Protein backbone atom coordinates (compact mmCIF):
# COMPACT_ATOMS: atom_id res chain seq x y z
CA UNK A 1 110.65 154.87 54.70
CA UNK A 2 112.18 152.70 51.99
CA UNK A 3 115.42 154.60 51.29
CA UNK A 4 116.26 152.64 48.14
CA UNK A 5 113.07 153.87 46.49
CA UNK A 6 114.09 157.49 47.01
CA UNK A 7 117.85 157.25 46.40
CA UNK A 8 119.00 158.80 43.13
CA UNK A 9 122.50 157.47 42.46
CA UNK A 10 123.38 160.05 39.73
CA UNK A 11 122.45 162.86 42.14
CA UNK A 12 124.46 161.33 44.98
CA UNK A 13 127.46 161.00 42.64
CA UNK A 14 127.09 164.67 41.71
CA UNK A 15 127.02 165.65 45.38
CA UNK A 16 130.02 163.41 46.01
CA UNK A 17 131.97 165.15 43.26
CA UNK A 18 131.01 168.59 44.56
CA UNK A 19 131.89 167.89 48.17
CA UNK A 20 134.99 166.02 47.06
CA UNK A 21 136.23 169.25 45.46
CA UNK A 22 135.58 171.13 48.72
CA UNK A 23 137.38 168.47 50.76
CA UNK A 24 140.32 168.47 48.35
CA UNK A 25 140.67 172.27 48.51
CA UNK A 26 140.48 172.12 52.31
CA UNK A 27 143.09 169.35 52.36
CA UNK A 28 145.46 171.38 50.17
CA UNK A 29 144.97 174.40 52.44
CA UNK A 30 145.76 172.37 55.56
CA UNK A 31 148.72 170.77 53.81
CA UNK A 32 150.04 174.23 53.00
CA UNK A 33 149.90 175.31 56.63
CA UNK A 34 151.55 172.06 57.70
CA UNK A 35 154.61 172.77 55.57
CA UNK A 36 154.76 176.52 56.17
CA UNK A 37 153.85 176.91 59.84
CA UNK A 38 154.23 173.58 61.58
CA UNK A 39 157.40 173.35 63.66
CA UNK A 40 156.67 169.89 64.97
CA UNK A 41 158.33 167.24 62.84
CA UNK A 42 156.13 164.49 64.32
CA UNK A 43 152.92 165.56 62.52
CA UNK A 44 149.77 163.40 62.71
CA UNK A 45 149.36 162.51 59.06
CA UNK A 46 146.65 159.94 59.85
CA UNK A 47 144.47 162.67 61.32
CA UNK A 48 144.99 164.95 58.31
CA UNK A 49 144.56 162.39 55.54
CA UNK A 50 142.03 159.96 57.01
CA UNK A 51 140.15 161.57 59.90
CA UNK A 52 139.74 165.09 58.53
CA UNK A 53 139.58 164.28 54.81
CA UNK A 54 138.57 160.75 53.77
CA UNK A 55 136.37 159.96 56.78
CA UNK A 56 134.80 163.42 56.66
CA UNK A 57 133.88 162.94 52.99
CA UNK A 58 132.41 159.47 53.62
CA UNK A 59 130.26 160.59 56.57
CA UNK A 60 129.02 163.70 54.78
CA UNK A 61 127.99 161.62 51.76
CA UNK A 62 126.16 159.09 53.96
CA UNK A 63 124.28 161.95 55.59
CA UNK A 64 123.53 163.67 52.25
CA UNK A 65 122.27 160.38 50.77
CA UNK A 66 119.65 160.37 53.53
CA UNK A 67 118.93 164.04 52.79
CA UNK A 68 118.38 163.14 49.11
CA UNK A 69 115.87 160.46 50.11
CA UNK A 70 114.07 162.75 52.56
CA UNK A 71 113.94 165.61 50.05
CA UNK A 72 112.60 163.40 47.26
CA UNK A 73 109.94 161.98 49.56
CA UNK A 74 108.83 165.50 50.52
CA UNK A 75 108.71 166.61 46.88
CA UNK A 76 106.75 163.51 45.84
CA UNK A 77 104.32 164.12 48.71
CA UNK A 78 104.06 167.79 47.61
CA UNK A 79 105.05 169.01 51.06
CA UNK A 80 104.58 172.73 51.69
CA UNK A 81 107.72 174.80 50.91
CA UNK A 82 107.78 176.31 54.41
CA UNK A 83 107.96 172.83 55.97
CA UNK A 84 110.71 171.76 53.55
CA UNK A 85 112.79 174.82 54.50
CA UNK A 86 112.23 174.05 58.19
CA UNK A 87 113.43 170.46 57.70
CA UNK A 88 116.55 171.64 55.87
CA UNK A 89 117.33 174.14 58.64
CA UNK A 90 117.07 171.37 61.20
CA UNK A 91 119.25 169.01 59.16
CA UNK A 92 121.87 171.73 58.59
CA UNK A 93 122.48 171.79 62.35
CA UNK A 94 122.25 168.03 62.76
CA UNK A 95 124.92 167.29 60.13
CA UNK A 96 127.68 168.76 62.33
CA UNK A 97 126.94 166.49 65.31
CA UNK A 98 126.25 163.52 63.03
CA UNK A 99 129.73 163.73 61.50
CA UNK A 100 131.64 164.21 64.76
CA UNK A 101 129.64 161.53 66.60
CA UNK A 102 130.21 158.79 64.03
CA UNK A 103 133.78 159.94 63.41
CA UNK A 104 134.46 159.61 67.14
CA UNK A 105 132.90 156.12 67.19
CA UNK A 106 134.95 154.93 64.20
CA UNK A 107 138.19 156.44 65.49
CA UNK A 108 137.56 154.96 68.94
CA UNK A 109 137.28 151.45 67.49
CA UNK A 110 140.41 152.13 65.45
CA UNK A 111 142.20 153.11 68.64
CA UNK A 112 142.84 156.67 67.43
CA UNK A 113 140.86 158.53 70.09
CA UNK A 114 139.43 158.20 73.59
CA UNK A 115 135.91 158.56 74.93
CA UNK A 116 136.86 161.88 76.55
CA UNK A 117 138.14 163.32 73.27
CA UNK A 118 135.06 162.00 71.48
CA UNK A 119 132.76 163.75 73.96
CA UNK A 120 134.77 166.98 73.59
CA UNK A 121 134.17 166.78 69.85
CA UNK A 122 130.43 166.97 70.54
CA UNK A 123 130.73 170.03 72.77
CA UNK A 124 129.04 173.34 72.03
CA UNK A 125 132.42 175.04 71.56
CA UNK A 126 133.41 172.58 68.86
CA UNK A 127 129.96 172.93 67.25
CA UNK A 128 130.26 176.74 67.10
CA UNK A 129 133.78 176.42 65.67
CA UNK A 130 132.63 174.36 62.66
CA UNK A 131 128.99 175.41 62.18
CA UNK A 132 129.72 177.95 59.41
CA UNK A 133 131.60 175.37 57.33
CA UNK A 134 129.01 172.59 57.47
CA UNK A 135 126.03 174.97 57.41
CA UNK A 136 127.26 176.53 54.17
CA UNK A 137 128.25 173.21 52.60
CA UNK A 138 124.89 171.67 53.52
CA UNK A 139 122.75 174.40 51.98
CA UNK A 140 124.82 174.53 48.80
CA UNK A 141 124.29 170.77 48.40
CA UNK A 142 120.60 171.11 49.35
CA UNK A 143 120.34 173.71 46.59
CA UNK A 144 121.95 171.28 44.15
CA UNK A 145 119.38 168.64 45.16
CA UNK A 146 116.42 170.93 44.51
CA UNK A 147 117.86 172.22 41.22
CA UNK A 148 118.42 168.62 40.12
CA UNK A 149 114.82 167.61 40.86
CA UNK A 150 113.47 170.79 39.27
CA UNK A 151 115.36 170.01 36.06
CA UNK A 152 114.16 166.40 36.24
CA UNK A 153 110.57 167.56 36.64
CA UNK A 154 110.84 169.94 33.68
CA UNK A 155 112.38 167.16 31.57
CA UNK A 156 109.61 164.74 32.57
CA UNK A 157 106.90 167.29 31.77
CA UNK A 158 108.43 168.00 28.36
CA UNK A 159 108.85 164.29 27.71
CA UNK A 160 105.23 163.63 28.68
CA UNK A 161 104.08 166.44 26.39
CA UNK A 162 106.08 164.90 23.56
CA UNK A 163 104.60 161.45 24.23
CA UNK A 164 101.06 162.82 24.40
CA UNK A 165 101.58 164.85 21.24
CA UNK A 166 102.88 161.79 19.44
CA UNK A 167 99.97 159.67 20.67
CA UNK A 168 97.47 162.33 19.60
CA UNK A 169 99.07 162.49 16.16
CA UNK A 170 98.97 158.70 15.95
CA UNK A 171 95.31 158.72 16.97
CA UNK A 172 94.49 161.30 14.31
CA UNK A 173 96.36 159.34 11.68
CA UNK A 174 94.66 156.09 12.69
CA UNK A 175 91.30 157.81 12.42
CA UNK A 176 92.18 159.17 8.99
CA UNK A 177 93.38 155.76 7.87
CA UNK A 178 90.12 154.24 9.09
CA UNK A 179 88.07 156.80 7.19
CA UNK A 180 90.25 156.57 4.09
CA UNK A 181 90.28 152.81 4.12
CA UNK A 182 89.47 151.69 0.56
CA UNK A 183 86.38 149.80 1.69
CA UNK A 184 85.10 152.77 3.64
CA UNK A 185 85.61 155.22 0.78
CA UNK A 186 84.30 152.75 -1.78
CA UNK A 187 81.17 152.01 0.24
CA UNK A 188 80.55 155.67 1.03
CA UNK A 189 81.03 156.80 -2.56
CA UNK A 190 78.95 153.87 -3.79
CA UNK A 191 76.20 154.94 -1.40
CA UNK A 192 76.42 158.49 -2.74
CA UNK A 193 76.30 157.19 -6.31
CA UNK A 194 73.19 155.12 -5.58
CA UNK A 195 71.49 158.07 -3.91
CA UNK A 196 72.09 160.34 -6.90
CA UNK A 197 69.21 158.69 -8.79
CA UNK A 198 66.83 158.34 -5.84
CA UNK A 199 67.65 161.14 -3.42
CA UNK A 200 70.05 163.74 -4.80
CA UNK A 201 69.69 165.91 -1.71
CA UNK A 202 70.74 163.10 0.62
CA UNK A 203 73.64 162.24 -1.69
CA UNK A 204 74.80 165.82 -1.51
CA UNK A 205 74.48 165.81 2.28
CA UNK A 206 76.45 162.56 2.56
CA UNK A 207 79.26 163.95 0.43
CA UNK A 208 79.30 167.09 2.57
CA UNK A 209 79.37 164.96 5.73
CA UNK A 210 82.36 163.01 4.45
CA UNK A 211 84.23 166.20 3.57
CA UNK A 212 83.27 167.80 6.89
CA UNK A 213 84.41 164.75 8.85
CA UNK A 214 87.85 164.67 7.25
CA UNK A 215 88.26 168.43 7.65
CA UNK A 216 87.24 168.31 11.32
CA UNK A 217 89.76 165.56 12.09
CA UNK A 218 92.53 167.57 10.46
CA UNK A 219 91.46 170.77 12.21
CA UNK A 220 91.56 169.33 15.72
CA UNK A 221 94.14 171.29 17.65
CA UNK A 222 97.04 169.55 19.36
CA UNK A 223 95.04 169.39 22.59
CA UNK A 224 95.09 166.16 24.50
CA UNK A 225 91.76 166.92 26.16
CA UNK A 226 88.57 168.29 24.64
CA UNK A 227 85.05 168.63 26.00
CA UNK A 228 82.44 165.89 25.79
CA UNK A 229 80.40 168.29 23.69
CA UNK A 230 83.15 168.62 21.07
CA UNK A 231 83.85 164.88 21.09
CA UNK A 232 80.18 164.02 20.48
CA UNK A 233 79.90 166.53 17.63
CA UNK A 234 82.91 164.91 15.95
CA UNK A 235 81.52 161.43 16.56
CA UNK A 236 78.13 162.33 15.11
CA UNK A 237 79.73 163.37 11.83
CA UNK A 238 81.22 159.88 11.62
CA UNK A 239 77.96 158.19 12.66
CA UNK A 240 75.90 160.14 10.11
CA UNK A 241 77.88 158.54 7.30
CA UNK A 242 77.85 155.09 8.88
CA UNK A 243 74.10 155.23 9.45
CA UNK A 244 73.42 156.05 5.80
CA UNK A 245 75.47 153.02 4.78
CA UNK A 246 73.69 150.61 7.10
CA UNK A 247 70.31 152.26 6.69
CA UNK A 248 67.63 150.52 8.79
CA UNK A 249 70.07 147.91 10.11
CA UNK A 250 71.67 150.33 12.56
CA UNK A 251 70.05 152.10 15.50
CA UNK A 252 72.04 154.63 17.49
CA UNK A 253 71.06 155.80 20.96
CA UNK A 254 72.87 158.44 22.97
CA UNK A 255 72.50 159.23 26.64
CA UNK A 256 74.75 162.17 27.46
CA UNK A 257 74.36 163.66 30.95
CA UNK A 258 73.62 167.38 31.02
CA UNK A 259 76.36 167.90 33.60
CA UNK A 260 78.99 166.30 31.35
CA UNK A 261 78.92 168.62 28.33
CA UNK A 262 81.89 170.66 29.60
CA UNK A 263 83.73 167.68 31.07
CA UNK A 264 87.13 166.88 29.62
CA UNK A 265 88.14 163.60 28.02
CA UNK A 266 90.94 162.54 25.64
CA UNK A 267 90.30 163.85 22.15
CA UNK A 268 89.10 161.30 19.58
CA UNK A 269 88.50 158.73 22.30
CA UNK A 270 85.14 157.39 21.12
CA UNK A 271 85.67 156.99 17.36
CA UNK A 272 88.02 153.95 17.50
CA UNK A 273 85.80 152.32 20.14
CA UNK A 274 82.66 152.79 18.03
CA UNK A 275 84.53 151.61 14.94
CA UNK A 276 85.54 148.48 16.84
CA UNK A 277 81.88 147.95 17.72
CA UNK A 278 80.85 147.95 14.06
CA UNK A 279 83.71 145.66 13.14
CA UNK A 280 82.79 142.96 15.65
CA UNK A 281 79.11 143.70 16.29
CA UNK A 282 77.69 142.80 12.89
CA UNK A 283 77.71 139.12 12.01
CA UNK A 284 75.94 136.58 9.83
CA UNK A 285 73.45 135.91 12.62
CA UNK A 286 73.23 139.51 13.77
CA UNK A 287 72.40 141.82 10.87
CA UNK A 288 70.66 144.50 12.95
CA UNK A 289 72.81 146.39 15.42
CA UNK A 290 71.74 148.70 18.23
CA UNK A 291 74.51 151.00 19.45
CA UNK A 292 74.10 152.72 22.81
CA UNK A 293 76.53 155.46 23.88
CA UNK A 294 76.31 156.75 27.44
CA UNK A 295 78.39 159.40 29.19
CA UNK A 296 77.49 160.11 32.81
CA UNK A 297 79.04 161.66 35.87
CA UNK A 298 79.24 159.80 39.17
CA UNK A 299 80.84 161.82 41.95
CA UNK A 300 84.44 162.50 40.87
CA UNK A 301 84.44 160.17 37.86
CA UNK A 302 83.25 160.34 34.26
CA UNK A 303 81.76 157.04 33.08
CA UNK A 304 81.70 156.26 29.36
CA UNK A 305 79.86 153.22 28.02
CA UNK A 306 79.65 152.04 24.41
CA UNK A 307 77.36 149.01 24.22
CA UNK A 308 75.81 147.00 21.40
CA UNK A 309 73.58 143.97 20.95
CA UNK A 310 76.07 142.23 18.68
CA UNK A 311 77.80 138.89 18.83
CA UNK A 312 79.15 138.03 22.33
CA UNK A 313 82.88 137.77 22.77
CA UNK A 314 84.72 134.48 22.91
CA UNK A 315 87.02 133.64 25.84
CA UNK A 316 89.29 135.18 26.94
CA UNK A 317 86.92 138.15 27.08
CA UNK A 318 88.06 141.07 25.02
CA UNK A 319 91.60 139.83 24.45
CA UNK A 320 91.73 139.81 20.66
CA UNK A 321 89.45 142.84 20.43
CA UNK A 322 91.87 145.10 22.31
CA UNK A 323 94.95 144.18 20.28
CA UNK A 324 94.12 146.48 17.38
CA UNK A 325 96.14 149.66 16.89
CA UNK A 326 93.15 151.94 17.48
CA UNK A 327 92.13 150.41 20.82
CA UNK A 328 95.75 149.93 21.91
CA UNK A 329 96.35 153.62 21.24
CA UNK A 330 93.29 154.53 23.32
CA UNK A 331 94.54 152.49 26.29
CA UNK A 332 98.08 153.88 26.03
CA UNK A 333 96.78 157.46 25.94
CA UNK A 334 94.64 156.79 29.02
CA UNK A 335 97.70 155.42 30.83
CA UNK A 336 99.78 158.43 29.88
CA UNK A 337 97.12 160.97 30.86
CA UNK A 338 95.81 159.36 34.04
CA UNK A 339 98.47 156.88 35.16
CA UNK A 340 96.64 154.16 37.08
CA UNK A 341 93.68 156.43 37.83
CA UNK A 342 91.40 155.09 35.10
CA UNK A 343 89.45 151.92 34.31
CA UNK A 344 88.97 150.23 30.94
CA UNK A 345 86.75 147.19 30.60
CA UNK A 346 85.57 145.32 27.50
CA UNK A 347 83.28 142.36 28.03
CA UNK A 348 79.95 140.69 27.35
CA UNK A 349 76.76 142.04 28.84
CA UNK A 350 75.26 140.04 31.69
CA UNK A 351 72.51 138.57 29.51
CA UNK A 352 75.08 137.53 26.85
CA UNK A 353 73.14 139.63 24.33
CA UNK A 354 75.77 142.14 23.45
CA UNK A 355 79.13 143.66 24.30
CA UNK A 356 80.00 146.77 26.30
CA UNK A 357 83.13 148.89 26.51
CA UNK A 358 83.29 150.77 29.81
CA UNK A 359 85.74 153.54 30.64
CA UNK A 360 86.07 155.49 33.86
CA UNK A 361 88.31 158.58 34.12
CA UNK A 362 88.60 161.44 36.65
CA UNK A 363 85.90 164.08 36.18
CA UNK A 364 87.44 167.41 35.22
CA UNK A 365 85.52 170.34 33.84
CA UNK A 366 86.81 172.99 31.47
CA UNK A 367 86.85 176.47 33.00
CA UNK A 368 85.95 178.26 29.80
CA UNK A 369 84.28 176.88 26.71
CA UNK A 370 84.10 180.03 24.62
CA UNK A 371 85.43 178.34 21.52
CA UNK A 372 83.33 175.20 21.66
CA UNK A 373 81.19 174.52 18.60
CA UNK A 374 77.51 175.23 18.71
CA UNK A 375 75.77 172.52 20.72
CA UNK A 376 73.79 169.89 18.91
CA UNK A 377 70.94 168.03 20.49
CA UNK A 378 72.32 164.83 21.94
C-alpha cells in the first residue's frame, strides 16, 4: 500500500495536537508526584522527559499515521463497518506492544536500557498495566479520524452539489443564449412573418413552439439527471423550430431504444451537441443535412450518437469543435457526474461522409417516472 497516497497531513497534525495535550497532562501529573512523593534526590529525568513523554508521543504519532492510512484505504474501498471495527480492535491492542518494542530498541541503542529490561517491557504484566491508557487513547483518536473523514465527505458532497448546480445553471443559460441569439430570433420571427401570408396556422404553431421551448427550458428543475424521454421531448421542441427554418434541407431521424426511455442522462445534454451539428454541418457544398440521433443500451452503458452527413472535420479531429462553451460545458458536466467512467468522442465517419458525436455513460434507470411528460412517438 502506498502510504503517501493515504496520508492526510492536516488530520495527522490534529491527532498530534490531541495526543500532545494528553502527554502534557500526563507529564505534569508525573512531575507533581516527583516533587511531592519522591524521596530520592537522584531522579531519572531522562526517563521522565524523553522516554515517557517525547519518545512516547513520537511513536504514538508514527503508529497513528499508519492507522490514518489504513482507515482511509478501508473507507475508500467501502469496507464493511464490522470489518473496520474488527481492525480497530486489533490495532488498539497492537499499539501497546508497538510503542514498548520500538522504545526499547531506541533506548537500547542510546545505551539507556538492556535487552532484559526491554523484554520485560513486552511482558503480559506490563501490557495489562498500560492497556487501559493506550486502548482509550487509541479509540478516541480513531473516533477523531472517522469524524474527520465524515465531515470531509459531507463537504465534498455539498461542494459537488454546488458545482453541478452551477454547471446546470450555466447549461440552461447557454441554451437560452443560443435560442435568444439575435440571428436565431430574427430568423425564427422572419419565418413566422413569411408564413403569415401563406400558412397562418403553421405560423401560429411556430410561435407557440418558440414560446413553449423557452418556457420548458426555464421550467426545468434543478435536477442534474432527467430521463431520456424528457430529454427527447425538450429536444424535439427545439428541432421543430429548426426544421421549419431549414424546410426541405434538413432531415431528422431518431432511433431511441424502447428500453432507454426511463434511463437517466444529464439534463440538456443533447441540445448543445445538435446545435453544434447545425453550426458545422451545413456548408457551401453541403446544403442538405441529414441528422441522425440514436440512444441505445448496451449492457451497463447508455450509448448516445448524434451523426450528420455534413462537412468532414479537419485535423486534428474535433479539436476546434469542442472548444465552444456549450460543448465544453457538456464535457465538464460529464466529468463531474461520472468521473472517468464516461466516453466522449467527436470525429469523422469511416466513409468521410459526415461527422458523429458519440457519448457513453453508465446505464441507470429512474425508479419512478410519475411526473414525466406524456410520451411522444420517437
